[in-house]
Amino acid sequence: MRLPVLILSMSMSAVPALAAETPELQRAVGAAQAVGAVHTLRQIPEACARLEGAFTGDAAQPYRFAPVRTSEQCQPRARFVDYAKAQPTAEKGWKLNDVIRVPEAACPARQAVVRVWRLPVAPNAERDGQGQSRIYLEDAKKQAASGKIPQVTMFAAQLQMEGNACN
């Protein structure tokens, strides 16, 4: 009787760990990319950014990616922050938002894996007739002048390489 209870308790304790790793967005493995081909990993419209990446062919840094501003006219409602500084974890309120896998065309067993984390802010209690939280220019200017800048959603991304390099 003790063995089934032990197995059940062990499997129950593993469930939260697996649930924490399930991203909010589900996507298939991306198209294989050639070395040097710059490609878009993901768009984050609320941060006015897109993640661009490329395989480098360099053994020391086989893949590089960076957030790129989409438009100078875009007004961001979220920020993209450095992963190393933010150190996102579920315990800090961050949510695993997306896992993007991109295989290398010359070596499909090797993949660049980008994990995108999102730190949501508590929703504003004030809603308009359409149920939307609005930011008005004059109100925002007054808040900024008083030093009370409202919190915004933040995003951070982490790169890992999976699989072995092909020779």
N, C-alpha and C. Protein backbone atom coordinates (compact mmCIF):
# COMPACT_ATOMS: atom_id res chain seq x y z
N MET A 1 0.82 -1.20 0.00
CA MET A 1 0.00 0.00 0.00
C MET A 1 0.87 1.26 0.00
N ARG A 2 2.00 1.21 0.65
CA ARG A 2 2.85 2.40 0.73
C ARG A 2 3.48 2.74 -0.61
N LEU A 3 3.86 1.75 -1.40
CA LEU A 3 4.50 2.00 -2.69
C LEU A 3 3.58 2.77 -3.63
N PRO A 4 2.30 2.38 -3.83
CA PRO A 4 1.43 3.17 -4.72
C PRO A 4 1.23 4.60 -4.21
N VAL A 5 1.13 4.77 -2.89
CA VAL A 5 0.97 6.12 -2.35
C VAL A 5 2.22 6.94 -2.60
N LEU A 6 3.40 6.35 -2.44
CA LEU A 6 4.65 7.03 -2.70
C LEU A 6 4.76 7.42 -4.17
N ILE A 7 4.42 6.50 -5.07
CA ILE A 7 4.48 6.80 -6.50
C ILE A 7 3.49 7.91 -6.85
N LEU A 8 2.29 7.84 -6.30
CA LEU A 8 1.28 8.86 -6.56
C LEU A 8 1.74 10.22 -6.05
N SER A 9 2.31 10.27 -4.86
CA SER A 9 2.77 11.55 -4.31
C SER A 9 3.94 12.10 -5.12
N MET A 10 4.81 11.23 -5.61
CA MET A 10 5.93 11.70 -6.44
C MET A 10 5.42 12.24 -7.76
N SER A 11 4.45 11.56 -8.37
CA SER A 11 3.94 12.04 -9.65
C SER A 11 3.15 13.34 -9.47
N MET A 12 2.45 13.50 -8.35
CA MET A 12 1.71 14.73 -8.09
C MET A 12 2.66 15.91 -7.89
N SER A 13 3.81 15.66 -7.26
CA SER A 13 4.75 16.75 -7.04
C SER A 13 5.44 17.15 -8.34
N ALA A 14 5.49 16.26 -9.33
CA ALA A 14 6.11 16.59 -10.61
C ALA A 14 5.17 17.41 -11.50
N VAL A 15 3.88 17.36 -11.27
CA VAL A 15 2.91 18.05 -12.12
C VAL A 15 3.12 19.57 -12.10
N PRO A 16 3.28 20.24 -10.95
CA PRO A 16 3.50 21.68 -10.99
C PRO A 16 4.77 22.06 -11.75
N ALA A 17 5.82 21.26 -11.65
CA ALA A 17 7.05 21.57 -12.37
C ALA A 17 6.82 21.52 -13.86
N LEU A 18 6.05 20.54 -14.34
CA LEU A 18 5.76 20.45 -15.76
C LEU A 18 4.84 21.58 -16.19
N ALA A 19 3.88 21.93 -15.38
CA ALA A 19 2.94 22.99 -15.72
C ALA A 19 3.65 24.33 -15.84
N ALA A 20 4.67 24.55 -15.02
CA ALA A 20 5.41 25.81 -15.07
C ALA A 20 6.17 25.95 -16.39
N GLU A 21 6.52 24.85 -17.02
CA GLU A 21 7.27 24.88 -18.27
C GLU A 21 6.38 24.91 -19.50
N THR A 22 5.06 24.84 -19.33
CA THR A 22 4.16 24.90 -20.47
C THR A 22 3.95 26.36 -20.85
N PRO A 23 4.35 26.74 -22.07
CA PRO A 23 4.21 28.15 -22.45
C PRO A 23 2.75 28.53 -22.72
N GLU A 24 2.47 29.81 -22.60
CA GLU A 24 1.13 30.33 -22.88
C GLU A 24 0.75 30.13 -24.34
N LEU A 25 1.72 30.27 -25.23
CA LEU A 25 1.50 30.09 -26.66
C LEU A 25 2.10 28.76 -27.11
N GLN A 26 1.38 28.05 -27.95
CA GLN A 26 1.88 26.77 -28.46
C GLN A 26 2.21 26.95 -29.94
N ARG A 27 3.37 26.49 -30.36
CA ARG A 27 3.75 26.61 -31.76
C ARG A 27 4.59 25.41 -32.19
N ALA A 28 4.56 25.13 -33.46
CA ALA A 28 5.36 24.05 -34.03
C ALA A 28 6.80 24.52 -34.19
N VAL A 29 7.68 23.58 -34.44
CA VAL A 29 9.08 23.91 -34.71
C VAL A 29 9.13 24.75 -35.98
N GLY A 30 9.94 25.80 -35.96
CA GLY A 30 10.04 26.71 -37.10
C GLY A 30 10.75 26.08 -38.29
N ALA A 31 10.74 26.78 -39.39
CA ALA A 31 11.41 26.33 -40.61
C ALA A 31 12.92 26.38 -40.40
N ALA A 32 13.62 25.40 -40.97
CA ALA A 32 15.08 25.36 -40.86
C ALA A 32 15.67 26.59 -41.55
N GLN A 33 16.71 27.15 -40.94
CA GLN A 33 17.33 28.37 -41.46
C GLN A 33 18.80 28.13 -41.78
N ALA A 34 19.25 28.73 -42.87
CA ALA A 34 20.64 28.61 -43.30
C ALA A 34 21.52 29.54 -42.49
N VAL A 35 22.79 29.22 -42.43
CA VAL A 35 23.76 30.07 -41.75
C VAL A 35 23.79 31.44 -42.43
N GLY A 36 23.69 32.48 -41.64
CA GLY A 36 23.75 33.85 -42.15
C GLY A 36 22.40 34.43 -42.55
N ALA A 37 21.36 33.61 -42.65
CA ALA A 37 20.04 34.11 -43.03
C ALA A 37 19.34 34.71 -41.82
N VAL A 38 19.13 36.02 -41.86
CA VAL A 38 18.45 36.71 -40.75
C VAL A 38 16.95 36.44 -40.90
N HIS A 39 16.31 36.05 -39.81
CA HIS A 39 14.89 35.71 -39.85
C HIS A 39 14.18 36.24 -38.60
N THR A 40 12.88 36.45 -38.72
CA THR A 40 12.07 36.91 -37.60
C THR A 40 11.63 35.71 -36.79
N LEU A 41 11.91 35.75 -35.50
CA LEU A 41 11.47 34.68 -34.60
C LEU A 41 10.04 34.94 -34.14
N ARG A 42 9.78 36.18 -33.76
CA ARG A 42 8.46 36.52 -33.23
C ARG A 42 8.28 38.02 -33.21
N GLN A 43 7.06 38.46 -33.38
CA GLN A 43 6.70 39.87 -33.25
C GLN A 43 6.06 40.07 -31.89
N ILE A 44 6.38 41.17 -31.24
CA ILE A 44 5.75 41.54 -29.98
C ILE A 44 5.21 42.95 -30.18
N PRO A 45 3.99 43.06 -30.74
CA PRO A 45 3.47 44.37 -31.10
C PRO A 45 3.33 45.34 -29.94
N GLU A 46 2.96 44.85 -28.75
CA GLU A 46 2.78 45.76 -27.62
C GLU A 46 4.10 46.37 -27.16
N ALA A 47 5.23 45.77 -27.51
CA ALA A 47 6.54 46.33 -27.18
C ALA A 47 7.18 47.00 -28.40
N CYS A 48 6.43 47.07 -29.51
CA CYS A 48 6.94 47.66 -30.76
C CYS A 48 8.25 47.00 -31.17
N ALA A 49 8.32 45.69 -31.04
CA ALA A 49 9.57 44.98 -31.32
C ALA A 49 9.31 43.65 -32.00
N ARG A 50 10.34 43.17 -32.65
CA ARG A 50 10.34 41.81 -33.17
C ARG A 50 11.68 41.20 -32.81
N LEU A 51 11.71 39.90 -32.61
CA LEU A 51 12.96 39.20 -32.32
C LEU A 51 13.52 38.69 -33.64
N GLU A 52 14.72 39.09 -33.95
CA GLU A 52 15.42 38.63 -35.16
C GLU A 52 16.57 37.73 -34.75
N GLY A 53 16.80 36.68 -35.52
CA GLY A 53 17.88 35.78 -35.21
C GLY A 53 18.58 35.30 -36.46
N ALA A 54 19.76 34.69 -36.28
CA ALA A 54 20.52 34.14 -37.39
C ALA A 54 21.55 33.15 -36.85
N PHE A 55 21.74 32.07 -37.57
CA PHE A 55 22.84 31.16 -37.28
C PHE A 55 24.10 31.81 -37.80
N THR A 56 25.19 31.75 -37.02
CA THR A 56 26.40 32.49 -37.37
C THR A 56 27.47 31.64 -38.04
N GLY A 57 27.45 30.33 -37.79
CA GLY A 57 28.51 29.48 -38.30
C GLY A 57 29.73 29.48 -37.38
N ASP A 58 29.70 30.26 -36.33
CA ASP A 58 30.79 30.37 -35.36
C ASP A 58 30.54 29.37 -34.24
N ALA A 59 31.52 28.52 -33.95
CA ALA A 59 31.35 27.49 -32.92
C ALA A 59 31.18 28.11 -31.52
N ALA A 60 31.81 29.25 -31.27
CA ALA A 60 31.72 29.89 -29.95
C ALA A 60 30.33 30.50 -29.72
N GLN A 61 29.74 31.07 -30.75
CA GLN A 61 28.40 31.66 -30.67
C GLN A 61 27.64 31.25 -31.93
N PRO A 62 27.05 30.04 -31.91
CA PRO A 62 26.43 29.53 -33.13
C PRO A 62 25.16 30.25 -33.58
N TYR A 63 24.52 30.97 -32.68
CA TYR A 63 23.27 31.67 -33.01
C TYR A 63 23.24 32.99 -32.27
N ARG A 64 22.70 33.99 -32.90
CA ARG A 64 22.53 35.28 -32.22
C ARG A 64 21.12 35.77 -32.50
N PHE A 65 20.58 36.49 -31.53
CA PHE A 65 19.27 37.10 -31.72
C PHE A 65 19.23 38.41 -30.96
N ALA A 66 18.30 39.27 -31.37
CA ALA A 66 18.17 40.57 -30.72
C ALA A 66 16.78 41.12 -30.99
N PRO A 67 16.26 41.90 -30.04
CA PRO A 67 15.00 42.60 -30.31
C PRO A 67 15.29 43.79 -31.21
N VAL A 68 14.41 44.01 -32.18
CA VAL A 68 14.56 45.11 -33.14
C VAL A 68 13.28 45.93 -33.10
N ARG A 69 13.43 47.23 -33.04
CA ARG A 69 12.25 48.12 -33.03
C ARG A 69 11.54 48.03 -34.38
N THR A 70 10.22 47.91 -34.35
CA THR A 70 9.46 47.73 -35.59
C THR A 70 9.19 49.03 -36.31
N SER A 71 8.97 50.12 -35.57
CA SER A 71 8.66 51.40 -36.19
C SER A 71 8.95 52.53 -35.22
N GLU A 72 9.45 53.62 -35.74
CA GLU A 72 9.71 54.79 -34.89
C GLU A 72 8.41 55.43 -34.41
N GLN A 73 7.34 55.26 -35.19
CA GLN A 73 6.06 55.86 -34.81
C GLN A 73 5.29 55.02 -33.79
N CYS A 74 5.67 53.79 -33.61
CA CYS A 74 4.96 52.90 -32.69
C CYS A 74 5.16 53.36 -31.25
N GLN A 75 4.08 53.40 -30.49
CA GLN A 75 4.12 53.78 -29.09
C GLN A 75 4.01 52.51 -28.24
N PRO A 76 5.10 52.07 -27.63
CA PRO A 76 5.06 50.80 -26.89
C PRO A 76 4.19 50.85 -25.64
N ARG A 77 3.47 49.77 -25.43
CA ARG A 77 2.66 49.59 -24.22
C ARG A 77 3.31 48.54 -23.31
N ALA A 78 4.48 48.05 -23.72
CA ALA A 78 5.23 47.07 -22.96
C ALA A 78 6.72 47.31 -23.22
N ARG A 79 7.57 46.73 -22.37
CA ARG A 79 9.02 46.90 -22.53
C ARG A 79 9.68 45.55 -22.72
N PHE A 80 10.73 45.54 -23.52
CA PHE A 80 11.56 44.36 -23.67
C PHE A 80 12.80 44.61 -22.83
N VAL A 81 13.09 43.72 -21.85
CA VAL A 81 14.21 43.93 -20.93
C VAL A 81 15.24 42.82 -21.09
N ASP A 82 16.43 43.08 -20.61
CA ASP A 82 17.53 42.13 -20.67
C ASP A 82 17.24 40.92 -19.76
N TYR A 83 17.36 39.73 -20.31
CA TYR A 83 17.07 38.51 -19.56
C TYR A 83 17.99 38.37 -18.34
N ALA A 84 19.27 38.67 -18.50
CA ALA A 84 20.23 38.50 -17.41
C ALA A 84 19.91 39.42 -16.23
N LYS A 85 19.43 40.62 -16.52
CA LYS A 85 19.09 41.55 -15.44
C LYS A 85 17.75 41.18 -14.79
N ALA A 86 16.78 40.79 -15.60
CA ALA A 86 15.44 40.49 -15.08
C ALA A 86 15.39 39.15 -14.36
N GLN A 87 16.16 38.17 -14.83
CA GLN A 87 16.16 36.81 -14.28
C GLN A 87 14.73 36.32 -14.02
N PRO A 88 13.93 36.18 -15.08
CA PRO A 88 12.52 35.82 -14.89
C PRO A 88 12.33 34.40 -14.38
N THR A 89 11.44 34.28 -13.41
CA THR A 89 11.03 32.98 -12.88
C THR A 89 9.54 33.08 -12.54
N ALA A 90 8.90 31.94 -12.46
CA ALA A 90 7.49 31.91 -12.09
C ALA A 90 7.29 32.45 -10.68
N GLU A 91 8.27 32.25 -9.81
CA GLU A 91 8.17 32.74 -8.43
C GLU A 91 8.15 34.27 -8.38
N LYS A 92 8.76 34.92 -9.36
CA LYS A 92 8.77 36.38 -9.41
C LYS A 92 7.57 36.94 -10.17
N GLY A 93 6.67 36.06 -10.60
CA GLY A 93 5.47 36.52 -11.30
C GLY A 93 5.56 36.46 -12.81
N TRP A 94 6.71 36.06 -13.35
CA TRP A 94 6.88 35.95 -14.80
C TRP A 94 6.18 34.69 -15.29
N LYS A 95 5.68 34.76 -16.52
CA LYS A 95 5.03 33.62 -17.15
C LYS A 95 5.81 33.24 -18.40
N LEU A 96 6.05 31.93 -18.56
CA LEU A 96 6.68 31.46 -19.79
C LEU A 96 5.66 31.67 -20.90
N ASN A 97 5.95 32.59 -21.79
CA ASN A 97 4.98 33.00 -22.80
C ASN A 97 5.09 32.19 -24.08
N ASP A 98 6.32 31.86 -24.49
CA ASP A 98 6.51 31.22 -25.79
C ASP A 98 7.85 30.50 -25.82
N VAL A 99 7.89 29.38 -26.53
CA VAL A 99 9.14 28.66 -26.78
C VAL A 99 9.25 28.52 -28.29
N ILE A 100 10.30 29.13 -28.86
CA ILE A 100 10.50 29.15 -30.30
C ILE A 100 11.70 28.27 -30.62
N ARG A 101 11.49 27.27 -31.47
CA ARG A 101 12.56 26.36 -31.86
C ARG A 101 12.86 26.54 -33.35
N VAL A 102 14.15 26.77 -33.66
CA VAL A 102 14.56 26.96 -35.04
C VAL A 102 15.73 26.02 -35.33
N PRO A 103 15.52 25.02 -36.21
CA PRO A 103 16.63 24.13 -36.57
C PRO A 103 17.57 24.79 -37.58
N GLU A 104 18.80 24.36 -37.56
CA GLU A 104 19.79 24.83 -38.53
C GLU A 104 19.63 23.99 -39.79
N ALA A 105 19.57 24.61 -40.97
CA ALA A 105 19.30 23.90 -42.22
C ALA A 105 20.36 22.84 -42.51
N ALA A 106 21.62 23.15 -42.28
CA ALA A 106 22.70 22.20 -42.58
C ALA A 106 22.82 21.12 -41.52
N CYS A 107 22.19 21.31 -40.37
CA CYS A 107 22.29 20.37 -39.26
C CYS A 107 20.97 20.39 -38.48
N PRO A 108 19.92 19.73 -39.00
CA PRO A 108 18.59 19.82 -38.37
C PRO A 108 18.53 19.30 -36.93
N ALA A 109 19.52 18.51 -36.51
CA ALA A 109 19.52 18.01 -35.13
C ALA A 109 19.86 19.13 -34.15
N ARG A 110 20.44 20.20 -34.63
CA ARG A 110 20.81 21.33 -33.79
C ARG A 110 19.76 22.42 -33.91
N GLN A 111 19.29 22.90 -32.77
CA GLN A 111 18.24 23.91 -32.75
C GLN A 111 18.59 25.08 -31.84
N ALA A 112 18.20 26.25 -32.28
CA ALA A 112 18.22 27.42 -31.40
C ALA A 112 16.86 27.45 -30.73
N VAL A 113 16.86 27.55 -29.40
CA VAL A 113 15.61 27.58 -28.65
C VAL A 113 15.55 28.91 -27.89
N VAL A 114 14.53 29.71 -28.21
CA VAL A 114 14.36 31.01 -27.57
C VAL A 114 13.11 30.92 -26.70
N ARG A 115 13.30 31.15 -25.41
CA ARG A 115 12.18 31.16 -24.46
C ARG A 115 11.84 32.61 -24.15
N VAL A 116 10.59 32.96 -24.40
CA VAL A 116 10.12 34.33 -24.17
C VAL A 116 9.29 34.32 -22.90
N TRP A 117 9.66 35.20 -21.97
CA TRP A 117 8.96 35.33 -20.69
C TRP A 117 8.20 36.65 -20.68
N ARG A 118 7.07 36.67 -19.97
CA ARG A 118 6.23 37.86 -19.89
C ARG A 118 5.89 38.12 -18.43
N LEU A 119 6.06 39.38 -18.01
CA LEU A 119 5.68 39.80 -16.67
C LEU A 119 4.47 40.71 -16.81
N PRO A 120 3.27 40.16 -16.57
CA PRO A 120 2.07 41.00 -16.71
C PRO A 120 1.94 41.95 -15.53
N VAL A 121 1.24 43.03 -15.76
CA VAL A 121 0.95 43.97 -14.68
C VAL A 121 -0.49 43.75 -14.25
N ALA A 122 -0.78 44.15 -13.04
CA ALA A 122 -2.16 44.05 -12.55
C ALA A 122 -3.03 44.95 -13.41
N PRO A 123 -4.15 44.44 -13.87
CA PRO A 123 -4.99 45.26 -14.75
C PRO A 123 -5.53 46.48 -14.02
N ASN A 124 -5.64 47.55 -14.76
CA ASN A 124 -6.18 48.79 -14.23
C ASN A 124 -7.66 48.59 -13.95
N ALA A 125 -8.11 48.99 -12.78
CA ALA A 125 -9.51 48.80 -12.40
C ALA A 125 -10.44 49.69 -13.22
N GLU A 126 -9.91 50.81 -13.71
CA GLU A 126 -10.74 51.73 -14.48
C GLU A 126 -10.86 51.24 -15.92
N ARG A 127 -12.08 50.97 -16.35
CA ARG A 127 -12.35 50.52 -17.71
C ARG A 127 -13.36 51.47 -18.35
N ASP A 128 -13.24 51.62 -19.66
CA ASP A 128 -14.21 52.46 -20.36
C ASP A 128 -15.44 51.64 -20.74
N GLY A 129 -16.35 52.23 -21.51
CA GLY A 129 -17.58 51.56 -21.89
C GLY A 129 -17.37 50.32 -22.73
N GLN A 130 -16.20 50.20 -23.38
CA GLN A 130 -15.88 49.02 -24.19
C GLN A 130 -15.11 47.98 -23.39
N GLY A 131 -14.89 48.24 -22.10
CA GLY A 131 -14.17 47.29 -21.27
C GLY A 131 -12.66 47.38 -21.42
N GLN A 132 -12.18 48.46 -22.03
CA GLN A 132 -10.75 48.63 -22.27
C GLN A 132 -10.14 49.57 -21.24
N SER A 133 -8.87 49.32 -20.91
CA SER A 133 -8.12 50.22 -20.06
C SER A 133 -7.42 51.21 -20.99
N ARG A 134 -7.70 52.47 -20.86
CA ARG A 134 -7.17 53.49 -21.77
C ARG A 134 -6.12 54.35 -21.07
N ILE A 135 -5.18 54.81 -21.86
CA ILE A 135 -4.18 55.77 -21.37
C ILE A 135 -4.40 57.05 -22.16
N TYR A 136 -4.67 58.14 -21.45
CA TYR A 136 -4.90 59.43 -22.08
C TYR A 136 -3.66 60.28 -21.94
N LEU A 137 -3.32 60.99 -23.02
CA LEU A 137 -2.08 61.74 -23.09
C LEU A 137 -1.91 62.72 -21.94
N GLU A 138 -2.90 63.52 -21.67
CA GLU A 138 -2.79 64.53 -20.61
C GLU A 138 -2.61 63.86 -19.24
N ASP A 139 -3.35 62.78 -19.00
CA ASP A 139 -3.21 62.07 -17.73
C ASP A 139 -1.81 61.47 -17.60
N ALA A 140 -1.31 60.92 -18.70
CA ALA A 140 0.03 60.31 -18.69
C ALA A 140 1.10 61.37 -18.45
N LYS A 141 0.93 62.56 -19.03
CA LYS A 141 1.90 63.65 -18.82
C LYS A 141 1.92 64.08 -17.35
N LYS A 142 0.73 64.16 -16.75
CA LYS A 142 0.64 64.55 -15.33
C LYS A 142 1.30 63.49 -14.44
N GLN A 143 1.07 62.22 -14.76
CA GLN A 143 1.69 61.15 -13.98
C GLN A 143 3.21 61.19 -14.11
N ALA A 144 3.70 61.39 -15.32
CA ALA A 144 5.15 61.43 -15.54
C ALA A 144 5.77 62.62 -14.82
N ALA A 145 5.09 63.78 -14.85
CA ALA A 145 5.61 64.97 -14.18
C ALA A 145 5.68 64.77 -12.67
N SER A 146 4.74 64.00 -12.12
CA SER A 146 4.75 63.76 -10.68
C SER A 146 5.66 62.60 -10.28
N GLY A 147 6.26 61.94 -11.29
CA GLY A 147 7.17 60.83 -10.99
C GLY A 147 6.47 59.50 -10.81
N LYS A 148 5.18 59.46 -11.05
CA LYS A 148 4.40 58.22 -10.90
C LYS A 148 4.19 57.59 -12.27
N ILE A 149 5.18 56.90 -12.75
CA ILE A 149 5.08 56.24 -14.05
C ILE A 149 4.44 54.88 -13.83
N PRO A 150 3.34 54.61 -14.53
CA PRO A 150 2.65 53.33 -14.31
C PRO A 150 3.47 52.14 -14.78
N GLN A 151 3.25 51.02 -14.13
CA GLN A 151 3.92 49.77 -14.51
C GLN A 151 3.40 49.33 -15.88
N VAL A 152 4.26 48.71 -16.66
CA VAL A 152 3.87 48.15 -17.95
C VAL A 152 4.31 46.69 -18.00
N THR A 153 3.68 45.93 -18.86
CA THR A 153 4.07 44.55 -19.08
C THR A 153 5.50 44.52 -19.60
N MET A 154 6.29 43.54 -19.15
CA MET A 154 7.67 43.40 -19.61
C MET A 154 7.85 42.04 -20.26
N PHE A 155 8.77 42.00 -21.21
CA PHE A 155 9.14 40.76 -21.89
C PHE A 155 10.65 40.59 -21.78
N ALA A 156 11.08 39.35 -21.69
CA ALA A 156 12.51 39.01 -21.71
C ALA A 156 12.65 37.70 -22.47
N ALA A 157 13.79 37.51 -23.12
CA ALA A 157 13.99 36.29 -23.90
C ALA A 157 15.36 35.69 -23.60
N GLN A 158 15.40 34.36 -23.62
CA GLN A 158 16.62 33.61 -23.32
C GLN A 158 16.90 32.68 -24.48
N LEU A 159 18.16 32.60 -24.89
CA LEU A 159 18.59 31.71 -25.96
C LEU A 159 19.34 30.53 -25.40
N GLN A 160 19.01 29.34 -25.90
CA GLN A 160 19.76 28.13 -25.58
C GLN A 160 19.93 27.33 -26.87
N MET A 161 21.04 26.66 -26.99
CA MET A 161 21.25 25.77 -28.13
C MET A 161 21.00 24.36 -27.66
N GLU A 162 20.27 23.60 -28.45
CA GLU A 162 20.00 22.20 -28.14
C GLU A 162 20.47 21.33 -29.29
N GLY A 163 20.92 20.14 -28.94
CA GLY A 163 21.43 19.22 -29.96
C GLY A 163 22.93 19.42 -30.15
N ASN A 164 23.54 18.47 -30.85
CA ASN A 164 24.98 18.50 -31.08
C ASN A 164 25.29 19.10 -32.44
N ALA A 165 26.43 19.76 -32.51
CA ALA A 165 26.87 20.33 -33.77
C ALA A 165 27.22 19.20 -34.74
N CYS A 166 26.87 19.39 -36.01
CA CYS A 166 27.21 18.40 -37.03
C CYS A 166 28.60 18.70 -37.57
N ASN A 167 29.27 17.68 -37.99
CA ASN A 167 30.62 17.89 -38.55
C ASN A 167 30.64 17.65 -40.01
